[in-house]
Amino acid sequence: MVVILVGLVVASATVAALAGQTVWAATCGSALVLLMWAVEEAVARLGREGSFGHAMAVGLTGMVVRVGLAVAALVAIGLAARPSFAEAALAFVVTYTVYIFARLWRHPAVPAGQ
């Protein structure tokens, strides 16, 4: 999955450069998804150890941390460089959408044919 996410960060920066937009903002928006994936992996590892209640607490905390991370990073970009916020937000949304579809494709909830 990390290869897909790094490829999306590079693609986002390339598209921003070709479109004449702010490359650093698009890169930050896409890289934010990579950071969220890393938090998700860490939370999954921590949640596997211990009881069911521990796993639920770790999972819920992980969800809050990932949402908080995304909101805080996008707000920081918006406050620091308001004109570049659109590039960062669009890159984040597109990269996160592709990430979710790639994750579902690699690990479907229901096996094909059922």
PDB file of N, CA and C in Angstrom:
ATOM      1  N   MET A   1       0.814  -1.189   0.000  1.00  0.00           N
ATOM      2  CA  MET A   1       0.000   0.000   0.000  1.00  0.00           C
ATOM      3  C   MET A   1       0.862   1.259   0.000  1.00  0.00           C
ATOM      4  N   VAL A   2       2.016   1.175   0.652  1.00  0.00           N
ATOM      5  CA  VAL A   2       2.875   2.352   0.723  1.00  0.00           C
ATOM      6  C   VAL A   2       3.360   2.758  -0.670  1.00  0.00           C
ATOM      7  N   VAL A   3       3.566   1.804  -1.550  1.00  0.00           N
ATOM      8  CA  VAL A   3       4.003   2.126  -2.912  1.00  0.00           C
ATOM      9  C   VAL A   3       2.910   2.893  -3.648  1.00  0.00           C
ATOM     10  N   ILE A   4       1.673   2.476  -3.460  1.00  0.00           N
ATOM     11  CA  ILE A   4       0.549   3.176  -4.090  1.00  0.00           C
ATOM     12  C   ILE A   4       0.455   4.599  -3.560  1.00  0.00           C
ATOM     13  N   LEU A   5       0.599   4.768  -2.260  1.00  0.00           N
ATOM     14  CA  LEU A   5       0.482   6.100  -1.664  1.00  0.00           C
ATOM     15  C   LEU A   5       1.631   7.015  -2.084  1.00  0.00           C
ATOM     16  N   VAL A   6       2.842   6.492  -2.124  1.00  0.00           N
ATOM     17  CA  VAL A   6       3.974   7.312  -2.590  1.00  0.00           C
ATOM     18  C   VAL A   6       3.777   7.683  -4.052  1.00  0.00           C
ATOM     19  N   GLY A   7       3.275   6.750  -4.857  1.00  0.00           N
ATOM     20  CA  GLY A   7       2.971   7.049  -6.253  1.00  0.00           C
ATOM     21  C   GLY A   7       1.914   8.135  -6.385  1.00  0.00           C
ATOM     22  N   LEU A   8       0.930   8.121  -5.506  1.00  0.00           N
ATOM     23  CA  LEU A   8      -0.101   9.152  -5.535  1.00  0.00           C
ATOM     24  C   LEU A   8       0.437  10.520  -5.117  1.00  0.00           C
ATOM     25  N   VAL A   9       1.379  10.535  -4.188  1.00  0.00           N
ATOM     26  CA  VAL A   9       2.001  11.799  -3.791  1.00  0.00           C
ATOM     27  C   VAL A   9       2.781  12.383  -4.968  1.00  0.00           C
ATOM     28  N   VAL A  10       3.541  11.545  -5.646  1.00  0.00           N
ATOM     29  CA  VAL A  10       4.301  11.994  -6.817  1.00  0.00           C
ATOM     30  C   VAL A  10       3.354  12.444  -7.923  1.00  0.00           C
ATOM     31  N   ALA A  11       2.297  11.684  -8.157  1.00  0.00           N
ATOM     32  CA  ALA A  11       1.327  12.055  -9.194  1.00  0.00           C
ATOM     33  C   ALA A  11       0.650  13.375  -8.860  1.00  0.00           C
ATOM     34  N   SER A  12       0.327  13.581  -7.611  1.00  0.00           N
ATOM     35  CA  SER A  12      -0.311  14.827  -7.185  1.00  0.00           C
ATOM     36  C   SER A  12       0.609  16.019  -7.415  1.00  0.00           C
ATOM     37  N   ALA A  13       1.876  15.873  -7.063  1.00  0.00           N
ATOM     38  CA  ALA A  13       2.843  16.954  -7.283  1.00  0.00           C
ATOM     39  C   ALA A  13       3.029  17.218  -8.771  1.00  0.00           C
ATOM     40  N   THR A  14       3.049  16.166  -9.566  1.00  0.00           N
ATOM     41  CA  THR A  14       3.220  16.320 -11.015  1.00  0.00           C
ATOM     42  C   THR A  14       2.029  17.035 -11.637  1.00  0.00           C
ATOM     43  N   VAL A  15       0.838  16.634 -11.250  1.00  0.00           N
ATOM     44  CA  VAL A  15      -0.371  17.282 -11.785  1.00  0.00           C
ATOM     45  C   VAL A  15      -0.419  18.745 -11.373  1.00  0.00           C
ATOM     46  N   ALA A  16      -0.065  19.034 -10.140  1.00  0.00           N
ATOM     47  CA  ALA A  16      -0.059  20.429  -9.684  1.00  0.00           C
ATOM     48  C   ALA A  16       0.955  21.250 -10.468  1.00  0.00           C
ATOM     49  N   ALA A  17       2.129  20.682 -10.721  1.00  0.00           N
ATOM     50  CA  ALA A  17       3.155  21.403 -11.487  1.00  0.00           C
ATOM     51  C   ALA A  17       2.694  21.649 -12.922  1.00  0.00           C
ATOM     52  N   LEU A  18       2.085  20.634 -13.531  1.00  0.00           N
ATOM     53  CA  LEU A  18       1.610  20.785 -14.911  1.00  0.00           C
ATOM     54  C   LEU A  18       0.455  21.771 -15.016  1.00  0.00           C
ATOM     55  N   ALA A  19      -0.343  21.862 -13.960  1.00  0.00           N
ATOM     56  CA  ALA A  19      -1.488  22.775 -13.953  1.00  0.00           C
ATOM     57  C   ALA A  19      -1.104  24.182 -13.499  1.00  0.00           C
ATOM     58  N   GLY A  20       0.149  24.361 -13.109  1.00  0.00           N
ATOM     59  CA  GLY A  20       0.589  25.675 -12.664  1.00  0.00           C
ATOM     60  C   GLY A  20       0.091  26.044 -11.278  1.00  0.00           C
ATOM     61  N   GLN A  21      -0.168  25.051 -10.459  1.00  0.00           N
ATOM     62  CA  GLN A  21      -0.663  25.281  -9.099  1.00  0.00           C
ATOM     63  C   GLN A  21       0.478  25.111  -8.094  1.00  0.00           C
ATOM     64  N   THR A  22       0.170  25.283  -6.837  1.00  0.00           N
ATOM     65  CA  THR A  22       1.166  25.191  -5.775  1.00  0.00           C
ATOM     66  C   THR A  22       1.535  23.736  -5.525  1.00  0.00           C
ATOM     67  N   VAL A  23       2.759  23.383  -5.877  1.00  0.00           N
ATOM     68  CA  VAL A  23       3.204  21.994  -5.784  1.00  0.00           C
ATOM     69  C   VAL A  23       3.343  21.561  -4.324  1.00  0.00           C
ATOM     70  N   TRP A  24       3.878  22.424  -3.474  1.00  0.00           N
ATOM     71  CA  TRP A  24       4.089  22.014  -2.084  1.00  0.00           C
ATOM     72  C   TRP A  24       2.774  21.733  -1.379  1.00  0.00           C
ATOM     73  N   ALA A  25       1.732  22.500  -1.704  1.00  0.00           N
ATOM     74  CA  ALA A  25       0.440  22.282  -1.051  1.00  0.00           C
ATOM     75  C   ALA A  25      -0.186  20.964  -1.505  1.00  0.00           C
ATOM     76  N   ALA A  26      -0.092  20.682  -2.799  1.00  0.00           N
ATOM     77  CA  ALA A  26      -0.619  19.410  -3.303  1.00  0.00           C
ATOM     78  C   ALA A  26       0.153  18.238  -2.726  1.00  0.00           C
ATOM     79  N   THR A  27       1.455  18.400  -2.605  1.00  0.00           N
ATOM     80  CA  THR A  27       2.271  17.337  -2.025  1.00  0.00           C
ATOM     81  C   THR A  27       1.921  17.121  -0.555  1.00  0.00           C
ATOM     82  N   CYS A  28       1.741  18.203   0.186  1.00  0.00           N
ATOM     83  CA  CYS A  28       1.357  18.081   1.603  1.00  0.00           C
ATOM     84  C   CYS A  28      -0.011  17.420   1.749  1.00  0.00           C
ATOM     85  N   GLY A  29      -0.956  17.788   0.901  1.00  0.00           N
ATOM     86  CA  GLY A  29      -2.283  17.191   0.967  1.00  0.00           C
ATOM     87  C   GLY A  29      -2.249  15.697   0.710  1.00  0.00           C
ATOM     88  N   SER A  30      -1.474  15.290  -0.277  1.00  0.00           N
ATOM     89  CA  SER A  30      -1.352  13.857  -0.572  1.00  0.00           C
ATOM     90  C   SER A  30      -0.542  13.131   0.491  1.00  0.00           C
ATOM     91  N   ALA A  31       0.532  13.749   0.954  1.00  0.00           N
ATOM     92  CA  ALA A  31       1.377  13.113   1.972  1.00  0.00           C
ATOM     93  C   ALA A  31       0.625  12.940   3.290  1.00  0.00           C
ATOM     94  N   LEU A  32      -0.375  13.754   3.507  1.00  0.00           N
ATOM     95  CA  LEU A  32      -1.195  13.618   4.704  1.00  0.00           C
ATOM     96  C   LEU A  32      -1.894  12.257   4.734  1.00  0.00           C
ATOM     97  N   VAL A  33      -2.304  11.765   3.582  1.00  0.00           N
ATOM     98  CA  VAL A  33      -2.924  10.435   3.517  1.00  0.00           C
ATOM     99  C   VAL A  33      -1.898   9.362   3.868  1.00  0.00           C
ATOM    100  N   LEU A  34      -0.665   9.545   3.431  1.00  0.00           N
ATOM    101  CA  LEU A  34       0.403   8.611   3.780  1.00  0.00           C
ATOM    102  C   LEU A  34       0.623   8.593   5.292  1.00  0.00           C
ATOM    103  N   LEU A  35       0.599   9.744   5.910  1.00  0.00           N
ATOM    104  CA  LEU A  35       0.733   9.834   7.362  1.00  0.00           C
ATOM    105  C   LEU A  35      -0.457   9.173   8.064  1.00  0.00           C
ATOM    106  N   MET A  36      -1.653   9.379   7.541  1.00  0.00           N
ATOM    107  CA  MET A  36      -2.834   8.743   8.128  1.00  0.00           C
ATOM    108  C   MET A  36      -2.751   7.223   8.016  1.00  0.00           C
ATOM    109  N   TRP A  37      -2.214   6.732   6.898  1.00  0.00           N
ATOM    110  CA  TRP A  37      -2.036   5.291   6.724  1.00  0.00           C
ATOM    111  C   TRP A  37      -1.064   4.752   7.768  1.00  0.00           C
ATOM    112  N   ALA A  38       0.019   5.490   8.032  1.00  0.00           N
ATOM    113  CA  ALA A  38       1.000   5.055   9.027  1.00  0.00           C
ATOM    114  C   ALA A  38       0.367   4.984  10.420  1.00  0.00           C
ATOM    115  N   VAL A  39      -0.466   5.971  10.756  1.00  0.00           N
ATOM    116  CA  VAL A  39      -1.172   5.947  12.041  1.00  0.00           C
ATOM    117  C   VAL A  39      -2.121   4.753  12.082  1.00  0.00           C
ATOM    118  N   GLU A  40      -2.804   4.490  10.978  1.00  0.00           N
ATOM    119  CA  GLU A  40      -3.726   3.350  10.916  1.00  0.00           C
ATOM    120  C   GLU A  40      -2.996   2.030  11.136  1.00  0.00           C
ATOM    121  N   GLU A  41      -1.830   1.879  10.532  1.00  0.00           N
ATOM    122  CA  GLU A  41      -1.049   0.653  10.717  1.00  0.00           C
ATOM    123  C   GLU A  41      -0.589   0.504  12.172  1.00  0.00           C
ATOM    124  N   ALA A  42      -0.138   1.605  12.761  1.00  0.00           N
ATOM    125  CA  ALA A  42       0.312   1.552  14.155  1.00  0.00           C
ATOM    126  C   ALA A  42      -0.839   1.199  15.089  1.00  0.00           C
ATOM    127  N   VAL A  43      -1.999   1.781  14.845  1.00  0.00           N
ATOM    128  CA  VAL A  43      -3.172   1.497  15.671  1.00  0.00           C
ATOM    129  C   VAL A  43      -3.596   0.038  15.506  1.00  0.00           C
ATOM    130  N   ALA A  44      -3.529  -0.480  14.290  1.00  0.00           N
ATOM    131  CA  ALA A  44      -3.904  -1.876  14.055  1.00  0.00           C
ATOM    132  C   ALA A  44      -2.973  -2.814  14.825  1.00  0.00           C
ATOM    133  N   ARG A  45      -1.691  -2.504  14.832  1.00  0.00           N
ATOM    134  CA  ARG A  45      -0.745  -3.345  15.580  1.00  0.00           C
ATOM    135  C   ARG A  45      -1.007  -3.283  17.079  1.00  0.00           C
ATOM    136  N   LEU A  46      -1.260  -2.074  17.589  1.00  0.00           N
ATOM    137  CA  LEU A  46      -1.530  -1.928  19.023  1.00  0.00           C
ATOM    138  C   LEU A  46      -2.842  -2.602  19.418  1.00  0.00           C
ATOM    139  N   GLY A  47      -3.827  -2.548  18.539  1.00  0.00           N
ATOM    140  CA  GLY A  47      -5.131  -3.109  18.850  1.00  0.00           C
ATOM    141  C   GLY A  47      -5.162  -4.619  18.863  1.00  0.00           C
ATOM    142  N   ARG A  48      -4.209  -5.257  18.203  1.00  0.00           N
ATOM    143  CA  ARG A  48      -4.171  -6.726  18.166  1.00  0.00           C
ATOM    144  C   ARG A  48      -3.763  -7.325  19.505  1.00  0.00           C
ATOM    145  N   GLU A  49      -3.077  -6.532  20.303  1.00  0.00           N
ATOM    146  CA  GLU A  49      -2.588  -7.031  21.595  1.00  0.00           C
ATOM    147  C   GLU A  49      -3.601  -6.704  22.695  1.00  0.00           C
ATOM    148  N   GLY A  50      -3.966  -7.681  23.449  1.00  0.00           N
ATOM    149  CA  GLY A  50      -4.859  -7.423  24.576  1.00  0.00           C
ATOM    150  C   GLY A  50      -6.274  -7.896  24.328  1.00  0.00           C
ATOM    151  N   SER A  51      -7.153  -7.416  25.175  1.00  0.00           N
ATOM    152  CA  SER A  51      -8.542  -7.856  25.160  1.00  0.00           C
ATOM    153  C   SER A  51      -9.347  -7.139  24.076  1.00  0.00           C
ATOM    154  N   PHE A  52     -10.599  -7.575  23.951  1.00  0.00           N
ATOM    155  CA  PHE A  52     -11.500  -6.951  22.973  1.00  0.00           C
ATOM    156  C   PHE A  52     -11.750  -5.491  23.342  1.00  0.00           C
ATOM    157  N   GLY A  53     -11.938  -5.224  24.623  1.00  0.00           N
ATOM    158  CA  GLY A  53     -12.156  -3.851  25.082  1.00  0.00           C
ATOM    159  C   GLY A  53     -10.962  -2.964  24.770  1.00  0.00           C
ATOM    160  N   HIS A  54      -9.775  -3.506  24.959  1.00  0.00           N
ATOM    161  CA  HIS A  54      -8.554  -2.762  24.627  1.00  0.00           C
ATOM    162  C   HIS A  54      -8.507  -2.458  23.130  1.00  0.00           C
ATOM    163  N   ALA A  55      -8.844  -3.444  22.322  1.00  0.00           N
ATOM    164  CA  ALA A  55      -8.836  -3.257  20.862  1.00  0.00           C
ATOM    165  C   ALA A  55      -9.849  -2.189  20.448  1.00  0.00           C
ATOM    166  N   MET A  56     -11.018  -2.199  21.063  1.00  0.00           N
ATOM    167  CA  MET A  56     -12.032  -1.189  20.739  1.00  0.00           C
ATOM    168  C   MET A  56     -11.558   0.208  21.135  1.00  0.00           C
ATOM    169  N   ALA A  57     -10.967   0.328  22.302  1.00  0.00           N
ATOM    170  CA  ALA A  57     -10.471   1.630  22.763  1.00  0.00           C
ATOM    171  C   ALA A  57      -9.361   2.144  21.855  1.00  0.00           C
ATOM    172  N   VAL A  58      -8.449   1.263  21.471  1.00  0.00           N
ATOM    173  CA  VAL A  58      -7.349   1.657  20.577  1.00  0.00           C
ATOM    174  C   VAL A  58      -7.900   2.039  19.204  1.00  0.00           C
ATOM    175  N   GLY A  59      -8.843   1.269  18.704  1.00  0.00           N
ATOM    176  CA  GLY A  59      -9.429   1.569  17.395  1.00  0.00           C
ATOM    177  C   GLY A  59     -10.158   2.899  17.365  1.00  0.00           C
ATOM    178  N   LEU A  60     -10.967   3.153  18.382  1.00  0.00           N
ATOM    179  CA  LEU A  60     -11.689   4.430  18.445  1.00  0.00           C
ATOM    180  C   LEU A  60     -10.737   5.608  18.611  1.00  0.00           C
ATOM    181  N   THR A  61      -9.712   5.428  19.433  1.00  0.00           N
ATOM    182  CA  THR A  61      -8.715   6.482  19.594  1.00  0.00           C
ATOM    183  C   THR A  61      -7.991   6.733  18.285  1.00  0.00           C
ATOM    184  N   GLY A  62      -7.682   5.673  17.567  1.00  0.00           N
ATOM    185  CA  GLY A  62      -7.023   5.816  16.272  1.00  0.00           C
ATOM    186  C   GLY A  62      -7.866   6.583  15.278  1.00  0.00           C
ATOM    187  N   MET A  63      -9.164   6.334  15.272  1.00  0.00           N
ATOM    188  CA  MET A  63     -10.055   7.069  14.373  1.00  0.00           C
ATOM    189  C   MET A  63     -10.052   8.560  14.693  1.00  0.00           C
ATOM    190  N   VAL A  64     -10.124   8.872  15.976  1.00  0.00           N
ATOM    191  CA  VAL A  64     -10.126  10.275  16.391  1.00  0.00           C
ATOM    192  C   VAL A  64      -8.800  10.940  16.028  1.00  0.00           C
ATOM    193  N   VAL A  65      -7.707  10.235  16.237  1.00  0.00           N
ATOM    194  CA  VAL A  65      -6.389  10.795  15.919  1.00  0.00           C
ATOM    195  C   VAL A  65      -6.261  11.060  14.420  1.00  0.00           C
ATOM    196  N   ARG A  66      -6.713  10.130  13.592  1.00  0.00           N
ATOM    197  CA  ARG A  66      -6.595  10.325  12.134  1.00  0.00           C
ATOM    198  C   ARG A  66      -7.443  11.496  11.651  1.00  0.00           C
ATOM    199  N   VAL A  67      -8.666  11.604  12.124  1.00  0.00           N
ATOM    200  CA  VAL A  67      -9.517  12.734  11.729  1.00  0.00           C
ATOM    201  C   VAL A  67      -8.921  14.042  12.245  1.00  0.00           C
ATOM    202  N   GLY A  68      -8.478  14.037  13.492  1.00  0.00           N
ATOM    203  CA  GLY A  68      -7.865  15.237  14.055  1.00  0.00           C
ATOM    204  C   GLY A  68      -6.606  15.647  13.309  1.00  0.00           C
ATOM    205  N   LEU A  69      -5.819  14.665  12.911  1.00  0.00           N
ATOM    206  CA  LEU A  69      -4.607  14.944  12.146  1.00  0.00           C
ATOM    207  C   LEU A  69      -4.934  15.595  10.810  1.00  0.00           C
ATOM    208  N   ALA A  70      -5.907  15.050  10.116  1.00  0.00           N
ATOM    209  CA  ALA A  70      -6.291  15.602   8.812  1.00  0.00           C
ATOM    210  C   ALA A  70      -6.837  17.016   8.951  1.00  0.00           C
ATOM    211  N   VAL A  71      -7.727  17.206   9.899  1.00  0.00           N
ATOM    212  CA  VAL A  71      -8.317  18.536  10.084  1.00  0.00           C
ATOM    213  C   VAL A  71      -7.253  19.541  10.511  1.00  0.00           C
ATOM    214  N   ALA A  72      -6.410  19.173  11.455  1.00  0.00           N
ATOM    215  CA  ALA A  72      -5.378  20.094  11.945  1.00  0.00           C
ATOM    216  C   ALA A  72      -4.399  20.471  10.837  1.00  0.00           C
ATOM    217  N   ALA A  73      -3.986  19.503  10.043  1.00  0.00           N
ATOM    218  CA  ALA A  73      -3.032  19.793   8.968  1.00  0.00           C
ATOM    219  C   ALA A  73      -3.658  20.695   7.910  1.00  0.00           C
ATOM    220  N   LEU A  74      -4.890  20.412   7.525  1.00  0.00           N
ATOM    221  CA  LEU A  74      -5.535  21.245   6.506  1.00  0.00           C
ATOM    222  C   LEU A  74      -5.836  22.642   7.037  1.00  0.00           C
ATOM    223  N   VAL A  75      -6.209  22.750   8.296  1.00  0.00           N
ATOM    224  CA  VAL A  75      -6.435  24.076   8.889  1.00  0.00           C
ATOM    225  C   VAL A  75      -5.123  24.849   8.952  1.00  0.00           C
ATOM    226  N   ALA A  76      -4.042  24.175   9.317  1.00  0.00           N
ATOM    227  CA  ALA A  76      -2.735  24.838   9.374  1.00  0.00           C
ATOM    228  C   ALA A  76      -2.318  25.353   7.996  1.00  0.00           C
ATOM    229  N   ILE A  77      -2.541  24.552   6.970  1.00  0.00           N
ATOM    230  CA  ILE A  77      -2.223  25.002   5.612  1.00  0.00           C
ATOM    231  C   ILE A  77      -3.115  26.173   5.236  1.00  0.00           C
ATOM    232  N   GLY A  78      -4.380  26.087   5.575  1.00  0.00           N
ATOM    233  CA  GLY A  78      -5.306  27.174   5.270  1.00  0.00           C
ATOM    234  C   GLY A  78      -4.951  28.473   5.966  1.00  0.00           C
ATOM    235  N   LEU A  79      -4.489  28.385   7.196  1.00  0.00           N
ATOM    236  CA  LEU A  79      -4.106  29.586   7.934  1.00  0.00           C
ATOM    237  C   LEU A  79      -2.760  30.138   7.465  1.00  0.00           C
ATOM    238  N   ALA A  80      -1.828  29.255   7.148  1.00  0.00           N
ATOM    239  CA  ALA A  80      -0.490  29.689   6.740  1.00  0.00           C
ATOM    240  C   ALA A  80      -0.457  30.206   5.309  1.00  0.00           C
ATOM    241  N   ALA A  81      -1.207  29.578   4.435  1.00  0.00           N
ATOM    242  CA  ALA A  81      -1.181  29.953   3.017  1.00  0.00           C
ATOM    243  C   ALA A  81      -2.573  29.757   2.434  1.00  0.00           C
ATOM    244  N   ARG A  82      -3.438  30.713   2.701  1.00  0.00           N
ATOM    245  CA  ARG A  82      -4.839  30.602   2.287  1.00  0.00           C
ATOM    246  C   ARG A  82      -5.024  30.312   0.800  1.00  0.00           C
ATOM    247  N   PRO A  83      -4.273  30.951  -0.105  1.00  0.00           N
ATOM    248  CA  PRO A  83      -4.473  30.659  -1.534  1.00  0.00           C
ATOM    249  C   PRO A  83      -4.128  29.223  -1.922  1.00  0.00           C
ATOM    250  N   SER A  84      -3.305  28.560  -1.122  1.00  0.00           N
ATOM    251  CA  SER A  84      -2.885  27.194  -1.450  1.00  0.00           C
ATOM    252  C   SER A  84      -3.766  26.127  -0.808  1.00  0.00           C
ATOM    253  N   PHE A  85      -4.738  26.547  -0.016  1.00  0.00           N
ATOM    254  CA  PHE A  85      -5.584  25.581   0.679  1.00  0.00           C
ATOM    255  C   PHE A  85      -6.353  24.682  -0.288  1.00  0.00           C
ATOM    256  N   ALA A  86      -6.845  25.252  -1.374  1.00  0.00           N
ATOM    257  CA  ALA A  86      -7.635  24.466  -2.331  1.00  0.00           C
ATOM    258  C   ALA A  86      -6.821  23.318  -2.923  1.00  0.00           C
ATOM    259  N   GLU A  87      -5.575  23.580  -3.253  1.00  0.00           N
ATOM    260  CA  GLU A  87      -4.729  22.514  -3.809  1.00  0.00           C
ATOM    261  C   GLU A  87      -4.503  21.408  -2.785  1.00  0.00           C
ATOM    262  N   ALA A  88      -4.231  21.804  -1.536  1.00  0.00           N
ATOM    263  CA  ALA A  88      -3.995  20.807  -0.485  1.00  0.00           C
ATOM    264  C   ALA A  88      -5.250  19.979  -0.220  1.00  0.00           C
ATOM    265  N   ALA A  89      -6.388  20.639  -0.114  1.00  0.00           N
ATOM    266  CA  ALA A  89      -7.636  19.924   0.169  1.00  0.00           C
ATOM    267  C   ALA A  89      -8.019  19.004  -0.983  1.00  0.00           C
ATOM    268  N   LEU A  90      -7.879  19.482  -2.211  1.00  0.00           N
ATOM    269  CA  LEU A  90      -8.222  18.646  -3.363  1.00  0.00           C
ATOM    270  C   LEU A  90      -7.290  17.444  -3.462  1.00  0.00           C
ATOM    271  N   ALA A  91      -6.000  17.672  -3.258  1.00  0.00           N
ATOM    272  CA  ALA A  91      -5.044  16.561  -3.297  1.00  0.00           C
ATOM    273  C   ALA A  91      -5.350  15.544  -2.207  1.00  0.00           C
ATOM    274  N   PHE A  92      -5.711  16.027  -1.021  1.00  0.00           N
ATOM    275  CA  PHE A  92      -6.049  15.124   0.076  1.00  0.00           C
ATOM    276  C   PHE A  92      -7.276  14.283  -0.272  1.00  0.00           C
ATOM    277  N   VAL A  93      -8.324  14.931  -0.751  1.00  0.00           N
ATOM    278  CA  VAL A  93      -9.571  14.218  -1.053  1.00  0.00           C
ATOM    279  C   VAL A  93      -9.362  13.186  -2.166  1.00  0.00           C
ATOM    280  N   VAL A  94      -8.669  13.572  -3.224  1.00  0.00           N
ATOM    281  CA  VAL A  94      -8.440  12.636  -4.335  1.00  0.00           C
ATOM    282  C   VAL A  94      -7.562  11.476  -3.884  1.00  0.00           C
ATOM    283  N   THR A  95      -6.484  11.769  -3.178  1.00  0.00           N
ATOM    284  CA  THR A  95      -5.585  10.705  -2.723  1.00  0.00           C
ATOM    285  C   THR A  95      -6.286   9.778  -1.737  1.00  0.00           C
ATOM    286  N   TYR A  96      -7.065  10.333  -0.830  1.00  0.00           N
ATOM    287  CA  TYR A  96      -7.767   9.501   0.146  1.00  0.00           C
ATOM    288  C   TYR A  96      -8.819   8.627  -0.545  1.00  0.00           C
ATOM    289  N   THR A  97      -9.494   9.167  -1.528  1.00  0.00           N
ATOM    290  CA  THR A  97     -10.490   8.387  -2.265  1.00  0.00           C
ATOM    291  C   THR A  97      -9.839   7.220  -2.995  1.00  0.00           C
ATOM    292  N   VAL A  98      -8.735   7.473  -3.684  1.00  0.00           N
ATOM    293  CA  VAL A  98      -8.031   6.395  -4.381  1.00  0.00           C
ATOM    294  C   VAL A  98      -7.500   5.378  -3.377  1.00  0.00           C
ATOM    295  N   TYR A  99      -7.013   5.846  -2.242  1.00  0.00           N
ATOM    296  CA  TYR A  99      -6.516   4.947  -1.201  1.00  0.00           C
ATOM    297  C   TYR A  99      -7.621   4.018  -0.703  1.00  0.00           C
ATOM    298  N   ILE A 100      -8.789   4.563  -0.439  1.00  0.00           N
ATOM    299  CA  ILE A 100      -9.902   3.739   0.045  1.00  0.00           C
ATOM    300  C   ILE A 100     -10.290   2.684  -0.987  1.00  0.00           C
ATOM    301  N   PHE A 101     -10.381   3.082  -2.261  1.00  0.00           N
ATOM    302  CA  PHE A 101     -10.727   2.108  -3.294  1.00  0.00           C
ATOM    303  C   PHE A 101      -9.638   1.057  -3.464  1.00  0.00           C
ATOM    304  N   ALA A 102      -8.370   1.448  -3.371  1.00  0.00           N
ATOM    305  CA  ALA A 102      -7.276   0.477  -3.473  1.00  0.00           C
ATOM    306  C   ALA A 102      -7.300  -0.488  -2.291  1.00  0.00           C
ATOM    307  N   ARG A 103      -7.611   0.026  -1.129  1.00  0.00           N
ATOM    308  CA  ARG A 103      -7.693  -0.824   0.058  1.00  0.00           C
ATOM    309  C   ARG A 103      -8.842  -1.822  -0.059  1.00  0.00           C
ATOM    310  N   LEU A 104      -9.971  -1.359  -0.536  1.00  0.00           N
ATOM    311  CA  LEU A 104     -11.105  -2.270  -0.729  1.00  0.00           C
ATOM    312  C   LEU A 104     -10.824  -3.300  -1.819  1.00  0.00           C
ATOM    313  N   TRP A 105     -10.093  -2.899  -2.835  1.00  0.00           N
ATOM    314  CA  TRP A 105      -9.753  -3.817  -3.925  1.00  0.00           C
ATOM    315  C   TRP A 105      -8.796  -4.899  -3.432  1.00  0.00           C
ATOM    316  N   ARG A 106      -7.835  -4.495  -2.601  1.00  0.00           N
ATOM    317  CA  ARG A 106      -6.853  -5.457  -2.095  1.00  0.00           C
ATOM    318  C   ARG A 106      -7.422  -6.351  -1.004  1.00  0.00           C
ATOM    319  N   HIS A 107      -8.348  -5.834  -0.209  1.00  0.00           N
ATOM    320  CA  HIS A 107      -8.913  -6.588   0.908  1.00  0.00           C
ATOM    321  C   HIS A 107     -10.435  -6.469   0.886  1.00  0.00           C
ATOM    322  N   PRO A 108     -11.098  -7.151  -0.056  1.00  0.00           N
ATOM    323  CA  PRO A 108     -12.571  -7.013  -0.117  1.00  0.00           C
ATOM    324  C   PRO A 108     -13.222  -7.647   1.105  1.00  0.00           C
ATOM    325  N   ALA A 109     -14.332  -7.035   1.512  1.00  0.00           N
ATOM    326  CA  ALA A 109     -15.057  -7.528   2.685  1.00  0.00           C
ATOM    327  C   ALA A 109     -15.781  -8.843   2.359  1.00  0.00           C
ATOM    328  N   VAL A 110     -16.262  -8.967   1.146  1.00  0.00           N
ATOM    329  CA  VAL A 110     -16.989 -10.156   0.728  1.00  0.00           C
ATOM    330  C   VAL A 110     -16.239 -10.761  -0.461  1.00  0.00           C
ATOM    331  N   PRO A 111     -15.861 -12.025  -0.390  1.00  0.00           N
ATOM    332  CA  PRO A 111     -15.171 -12.626  -1.528  1.00  0.00           C
ATOM    333  C   PRO A 111     -16.031 -12.596  -2.791  1.00  0.00           C
ATOM    334  N   ALA A 112     -15.398 -12.487  -3.925  1.00  0.00           N
ATOM    335  CA  ALA A 112     -16.117 -12.425  -5.203  1.00  0.00           C
ATOM    336  C   ALA A 112     -16.895 -13.715  -5.424  1.00  0.00           C
ATOM    337  N   GLY A 113     -18.066 -13.582  -6.022  1.00  0.00           N
ATOM    338  CA  GLY A 113     -18.889 -14.741  -6.346  1.00  0.00           C
ATOM    339  C   GLY A 113     -19.865 -15.142  -5.257  1.00  0.00           C
ATOM    340  N   GLN A 114     -19.985 -14.357  -4.212  1.00  0.00           N
ATOM    341  CA  GLN A 114     -20.938 -14.715  -3.154  1.00  0.00           C
ATOM    342  C   GLN A 114     -22.045 -13.719  -3.064  1.00  0.00           C
TER     343      GLN A 114
END
